[in-house]
Protein backbone atom coordinates (compact mmCIF):
# COMPACT_ATOMS: atom_id res chain seq x y z
CA UNK A 1 0.00 0.00 0.00
CA UNK A 2 1.19 3.50 -0.79
CA UNK A 3 -0.69 6.09 1.25
CA UNK A 4 -0.53 9.56 -0.27
CA UNK A 5 0.26 12.29 2.30
CA UNK A 6 -2.31 15.06 2.21
CA UNK A 7 0.32 17.82 1.91
CA UNK A 8 1.09 17.06 -1.72
CA UNK A 9 -1.98 16.92 -4.00
CA UNK A 10 -1.61 15.04 -7.27
CA UNK A 11 -2.93 15.69 -10.72
CA UNK A 12 -4.90 13.29 -12.88
CA UNK A 13 -3.27 11.77 -15.91
CA UNK A 14 -4.80 13.17 -19.07
CA UNK A 15 -3.47 14.04 -22.51
CA UNK A 16 -1.27 16.89 -21.24
CA UNK A 17 2.27 15.71 -20.39
CA UNK A 18 3.23 15.41 -16.74
CA UNK A 19 6.71 15.37 -15.20
CA UNK A 20 6.81 12.73 -12.50
CA UNK A 21 9.55 12.24 -9.89
CA UNK A 22 9.66 9.48 -7.28
CA UNK A 23 12.44 8.17 -5.07
CA UNK A 24 13.71 5.35 -2.90
CA UNK A 25 12.66 5.21 0.74
CA UNK A 26 15.21 6.99 2.92
CA UNK A 27 16.96 8.66 -0.02
CA UNK A 28 16.73 12.15 1.55
CA UNK A 29 17.13 12.83 5.29
CA UNK A 30 13.72 13.42 6.82
CA UNK A 31 14.77 16.79 8.21
CA UNK A 32 15.60 18.03 4.71
CA UNK A 33 12.31 16.72 3.34
CA UNK A 34 10.40 18.58 6.05
CA UNK A 35 12.32 21.78 5.27
CA UNK A 36 11.41 21.57 1.58
CA UNK A 37 7.76 20.76 2.26
CA UNK A 38 7.51 23.64 4.74
CA UNK A 39 9.12 26.03 2.24
CA UNK A 40 6.61 25.02 -0.44
CA UNK A 41 3.63 25.36 1.91
CA UNK A 42 4.69 28.84 2.99
CA UNK A 43 5.25 30.02 -0.58
CA UNK A 44 1.84 28.76 -1.70
CA UNK A 45 0.13 30.31 1.33
CA UNK A 46 1.87 33.64 0.71
CA UNK A 47 0.84 33.50 -2.94
CA UNK A 48 -2.81 32.98 -2.02
CA UNK A 49 -2.67 35.95 0.34
CA UNK A 50 -1.01 38.15 -2.30
CA UNK A 51 -3.67 37.45 -4.91
CA UNK A 52 -6.79 37.53 -2.77
CA UNK A 53 -7.80 41.05 -3.90
CA UNK A 54 -7.55 40.28 -7.63
CA UNK A 55 -10.71 39.59 -9.70
CA UNK A 56 -11.36 35.84 -9.91
CA UNK A 57 -10.71 35.61 -13.67
CA UNK A 58 -7.35 37.34 -13.36
CA UNK A 59 -6.43 35.58 -10.13
CA UNK A 60 -6.88 32.13 -11.65
CA UNK A 61 -4.39 32.73 -14.46
CA UNK A 62 -1.79 34.51 -12.33
CA UNK A 63 -2.09 31.97 -9.55
CA UNK A 64 -1.57 29.06 -11.93
CA UNK A 65 1.58 30.58 -13.41
CA UNK A 66 3.09 31.47 -10.05
CA UNK A 67 2.20 28.09 -8.56
CA UNK A 68 4.04 26.46 -11.44
CA UNK A 69 7.08 28.57 -10.64
CA UNK A 70 7.00 27.56 -6.96
CA UNK A 71 6.55 23.90 -7.86
CA UNK A 72 9.40 24.04 -10.37
CA UNK A 73 11.75 25.47 -7.75
CA UNK A 74 10.60 22.87 -5.22
CA UNK A 75 11.29 20.16 -7.77
CA UNK A 76 14.81 21.48 -8.46
CA UNK A 77 15.57 21.65 -4.73
CA UNK A 78 14.33 18.09 -4.27
CA UNK A 79 16.45 16.90 -7.17
CA UNK A 80 19.52 18.70 -5.81
CA UNK A 81 19.04 16.99 -2.45
CA UNK A 82 18.86 13.61 -4.19
CA UNK A 83 22.06 14.32 -6.14
CA UNK A 84 23.99 15.64 -3.15
CA UNK A 85 23.19 12.93 -0.63
CA UNK A 86 26.07 10.58 0.16
CA UNK A 87 24.12 8.15 2.31
CA UNK A 88 20.96 6.17 1.95
CA UNK A 89 20.02 3.49 -0.56
CA UNK A 90 21.20 3.51 -4.19
CA UNK A 91 19.49 0.29 -5.27
CA UNK A 92 18.72 1.71 -8.73
CA UNK A 93 22.42 1.81 -9.60
CA UNK A 94 22.09 -1.95 -10.01
CA UNK A 95 21.38 -2.33 -13.72
CA UNK A 96 19.05 -5.25 -13.06
CA UNK A 97 16.87 -3.13 -10.77
CA UNK A 98 16.91 -0.20 -13.19
CA UNK A 99 15.75 -2.61 -15.89
CA UNK A 100 12.80 -3.67 -13.73
CA UNK A 101 11.69 -0.04 -13.52
CA UNK A 102 12.06 0.59 -17.26
CA UNK A 103 10.31 -2.68 -18.12
CA UNK A 104 7.37 -1.72 -15.90
CA UNK A 105 6.89 1.55 -17.80
CA UNK A 106 7.13 -0.37 -21.06
CA UNK A 107 4.44 -2.75 -19.85
CA UNK A 108 2.16 0.14 -18.89
CA UNK A 109 2.71 1.63 -22.34
CA UNK A 110 1.90 -1.64 -24.11
CA UNK A 111 -1.21 -2.02 -21.95
CA UNK A 112 -2.37 1.40 -23.16
CA UNK A 113 -2.23 3.04 -19.74
CA UNK A 114 0.41 5.65 -20.55
CA UNK A 115 2.44 7.20 -23.34
CA UNK A 116 5.98 7.56 -21.93
CA UNK A 117 7.94 10.37 -23.55
CA UNK A 118 11.03 9.66 -21.46
CA UNK A 119 12.12 7.80 -18.32
CA UNK A 120 15.45 8.28 -16.55
CA UNK A 121 16.39 5.94 -13.71
CA UNK A 122 18.97 7.47 -11.39
CA UNK A 123 20.69 5.80 -8.45
CA UNK A 124 18.05 6.78 -5.90
CA UNK A 125 15.17 8.28 -7.88
CA UNK A 126 13.32 8.22 -11.19
CA UNK A 127 12.15 10.93 -13.57
CA UNK A 128 9.38 10.22 -16.09
CA UNK A 129 7.54 12.39 -18.60
CA UNK A 130 4.21 10.74 -19.40
CA UNK A 131 0.66 11.33 -20.58
CA UNK A 132 -2.43 9.24 -21.26
CA UNK A 133 -1.99 6.99 -24.27
CA UNK A 134 -4.84 8.42 -26.39
CA UNK A 135 -6.42 11.85 -26.53
CA UNK A 136 -9.86 10.29 -26.04
CA UNK A 137 -8.74 8.41 -22.93
CA UNK A 138 -10.60 9.38 -19.77
CA UNK A 139 -8.40 10.93 -17.10
CA UNK A 140 -6.73 8.38 -14.86
CA UNK A 141 -5.98 8.60 -11.14
CA UNK A 142 -2.23 9.18 -11.21
CA UNK A 143 -1.84 8.00 -7.62
CA UNK A 144 -3.32 4.61 -8.46
CA UNK A 145 -1.17 4.26 -11.56
CA UNK A 146 2.04 5.10 -9.71
CA UNK A 147 0.98 2.86 -6.83
CA UNK A 148 0.62 -0.11 -9.20
CA UNK A 149 4.00 0.64 -10.72
CA UNK A 150 5.68 0.98 -7.33
CA UNK A 151 4.10 -2.18 -5.91
CA UNK A 152 5.17 -4.25 -8.91
CA UNK A 153 8.71 -2.93 -9.12
CA UNK A 154 9.26 -3.03 -5.34
CA UNK A 155 8.25 -6.68 -5.18
CA UNK A 156 10.58 -7.71 -8.01
CA UNK A 157 13.47 -5.54 -6.81
CA UNK A 158 13.23 -6.81 -3.23
CA UNK A 159 13.18 -10.40 -4.46
CA UNK A 160 16.24 -9.72 -6.61
CA UNK A 161 18.15 -7.99 -3.80
CA UNK A 162 17.02 -10.36 -1.05
CA UNK A 163 15.44 -7.54 0.95
CA UNK A 164 12.62 -8.09 3.43
CA UNK A 165 10.86 -5.96 5.99
CA UNK A 166 11.82 -2.57 4.58
CA UNK A 167 9.97 -0.25 2.16
CA UNK A 168 11.58 0.10 -1.24
CA UNK A 169 9.99 3.33 -2.51
CA UNK A 170 9.15 6.50 -0.62
CA UNK A 171 5.38 6.62 -0.18
CA UNK A 172 4.77 9.86 -2.03
CA UNK A 173 5.85 11.27 -5.38
CA UNK A 174 5.99 14.66 -7.05
CA UNK A 175 4.18 15.48 -10.28
CA UNK A 176 3.90 18.69 -12.26
CA UNK A 177 1.83 19.35 -15.36
CA UNK A 178 4.09 20.72 -18.10
CA UNK A 179 3.01 24.16 -19.29
CA UNK A 180 2.68 25.08 -22.94
CA UNK A 181 6.05 25.91 -24.43
CA UNK A 182 8.02 24.16 -21.66
CA UNK A 183 8.00 20.58 -22.96
CA UNK A 184 11.48 20.60 -24.51
CA UNK A 185 12.99 22.25 -21.43
CA UNK A 186 11.54 19.56 -19.17
CA UNK A 187 12.61 16.77 -21.51
CA UNK A 188 16.18 18.05 -21.55
CA UNK A 189 16.09 18.43 -17.77
CA UNK A 190 15.14 14.76 -17.43
CA UNK A 191 17.60 13.48 -20.02
CA UNK A 192 20.49 15.51 -18.63
CA UNK A 193 19.89 14.46 -15.03
CA UNK A 194 22.84 12.01 -15.05
CA UNK A 195 25.01 14.77 -16.54
CA UNK A 196 23.96 17.22 -13.82
CA UNK A 197 24.84 14.58 -11.21
CA UNK A 198 28.33 14.22 -12.71
CA UNK A 199 27.82 10.59 -13.72
CA UNK A 200 28.36 10.96 -17.48
CA UNK A 201 29.41 13.64 -19.97
CA UNK A 202 26.50 13.11 -22.36
CA UNK A 203 22.98 11.90 -21.62
CA UNK A 204 23.24 9.13 -24.24
CA UNK A 205 26.04 7.52 -22.22
CA UNK A 206 23.67 6.80 -19.33
CA UNK A 207 22.37 3.22 -19.74
CA UNK A 208 19.15 3.64 -17.76
CA UNK A 209 17.32 6.19 -19.88
CA UNK A 210 14.40 5.59 -22.24
CA UNK A 211 13.22 8.01 -24.91
CA UNK A 212 10.18 7.15 -26.99
CA UNK A 213 11.35 6.14 -30.49
CA UNK A 214 9.08 8.74 -32.08
CA UNK A 215 11.01 11.48 -30.26
CA UNK A 216 14.53 10.14 -30.29
CA UNK A 217 15.67 12.07 -33.35
CA UNK A 218 14.75 15.35 -31.63
CA UNK A 219 17.35 14.72 -28.94
CA UNK A 220 20.06 12.81 -30.78
CA UNK A 221 19.89 14.04 -34.36
CA UNK A 222 19.58 10.49 -35.58
CA UNK A 223 16.76 8.07 -36.28
CA UNK A 224 16.13 5.20 -33.90
CA UNK A 225 16.86 1.74 -35.23
């Protein structure tokens, strides 16, 4: 079971792309997690107070843009904490475990649950850019989808590693709907995550990244085989 804490609401999966980040249990010290969550809460509360006098039609648009900015900064801070930590589990560095994660997304794609633009499996966390598979697909509960994925991959990974009695994934995850005009920026952010962490010089050198074949030429300058 993966209970979703009430401090981080999640979107539904529709046809608009979503950037999803989830991590291994214990991958960030709890004190740092609490600091980041508190920072985000305060920023969102301050934003609501700042905009309360605006007309509703104007407030909605401004609030959405500024919330996206706060969430983007929160996401970058979370990612930095994951890159900088020197302790905690790094089970995903095992290529066999990383393959379990990638295979699960491939299965969900084949089943018609998602269209994965890109997935990058890091040592202690995963980035994915996804949407619903078809534009006429009804919106899906993202929490349930991620819960299925986590349950399946945790079971296989724990069997492979001989782990018992400890959670594999952190219970929650972070998702952000990608705004118009920001898709390429987010894609490059995901693909270059191993470069930003100092693991490789070029994103194509990282063995645990998937890019949908229809998009591969956009990021490599070559056609997929």
